[in-house]
Amino acid sequence: MSSNSESNSKKPYAGLHIDTLAVRAAVDKSQYGENSEALYLTSSFTQPDSQTAARRFSGEEDGYIYSRFTNPTVASMEQRLALLEGAQACIGTSSGMSAVLLLCMGLLKSGDHVICSRSVFGSTIKLLGSEFAKFGVETTFVSQTDITEWEAAIKPTTKLFFAETPTNPLTEVCDIKALSHLAKGCGAVLAVDNCFCTPALQRPILLGADVVVHSGTKYLDGQGRVVAGALCASEQMVREKFIPVMRSAGMSLSPFNAWVVLKGMETLSIRMQAQSAQALSFATWLETHPKISRVYYPGLESHPQHDLAMAQQSGLGGAVLSFDVKASTPEEARRKAFTVIDKTQLMSVTANLGDVKTIITHPPSTSHGRLTEEQRHKAGIEQNLIRIAVGLEYLEDLKRDLSLGLDAI
């Protein structure tokens, strides 16, 4: 069930494979019987009478009211993603970071404590460590992979565990089941950012997570067209914690963006499989390059959490990898990383990921550029780090393109 529509319990979704759900799950067709889900570009919905309007605004009766929090196109996207994740409900948001904002606003208050991996996306670190700190929410950042650090950080006020697996950009993998056990033991909610894997590879709720966080901007769309986000959770949590905040704060997903993500999910599984295969071949090649000191990719046997990743991620490593170029000093490291990136001619130099076009970026100066050098160092993000989100181009073309940069250092 989505956050803003009636349950579609009459539809035969039970027992269907995730690939079928990705193509078929949606709200009911309109009276016109459209085969491709309709795009409802309207800010509001007319009501048959005042009494019905009053009941719908008060929540006594289901019905579409205002597109800030109820829209059929958004509801289709929410229903589809919830089913793919194995969740009871989903709520769409205007971006991935607005999903994290909604999560925190819905679950936390002044005096509460959060435990978060120090290896998560830079904006998440800033939001929790700086913005919410202004309102009295304390955050302790711990190792992504050391469960004893999470356990040692627990306080009586701990309300939320936040993890991202694999992490951006070092692809560290946490043990979701172990974190779930720990969170439940202290009465905290476990939220897992599933952006890198998507439900095509990993379903955190089935491993014990309470909330799954998504940036629909990435692989759910798959072609870099729109910005979107979502939270998947229980029906009760979505209705009682997230929808009230959405109605007041309005970090709403637009119907058009929801429709684009909805259509993107139809090809999610085949894209993730193909891009993961490309990334594994690319990472294997990079491991043998004489100018690279280390490659970070869960699909490689050299990855510290390889076995865990293969168990949690349906045997696939995802489409994002990172690597360190060899360098002696931070200044040399940054110069060499910039040279590698700037000499490429095919790859897109941008900080996004999840596109069918291969993307190359320098995380220390882009996605994690707002962090202090100390924060980056603790997270293992040094100036010689380059991240590649592997797309669907011909693999040998990508190797030749990156070689232009590597040969120049």
Foldseek 3Di string as FASTA:
>chain_A
DELAADDPVVDPPPPDDLLVLLQDQFDDADPVPDPQHDQDQDQADDDPDDVRLVCCVVVVDGDTGGQLQHDRLLRRLFRSQLVLLVFAYKAKFQALVVLVVLVDQLFDAAPAEEEEALQAWQVSCCCQVPVVVVRRYYYDHDHQADVVRVLVPDDLRYAEYEYEALHPPQRDGYQLLSVLVSQVVSNHAYEYEDAQQRSLFFRSVVSRHAKYKYFLCAQLLAANDHTMIMIGHYNCSCNRRRSVCSVVPRSGHRSVNSSSSSVSSSCRNVFFVLLQVLQVVVQVVVVPDPQWDDKRWLLDPPHPCVVVCCVRGVRTGGQKMKTFGDDDDLVRLLVLQVQLVVQFDQADDDDGHRYLGKYKYQCCCPRNVPPDPVSCVVSVRGNRMMMIRHHNDDSVSVVVRSVSSVVVD
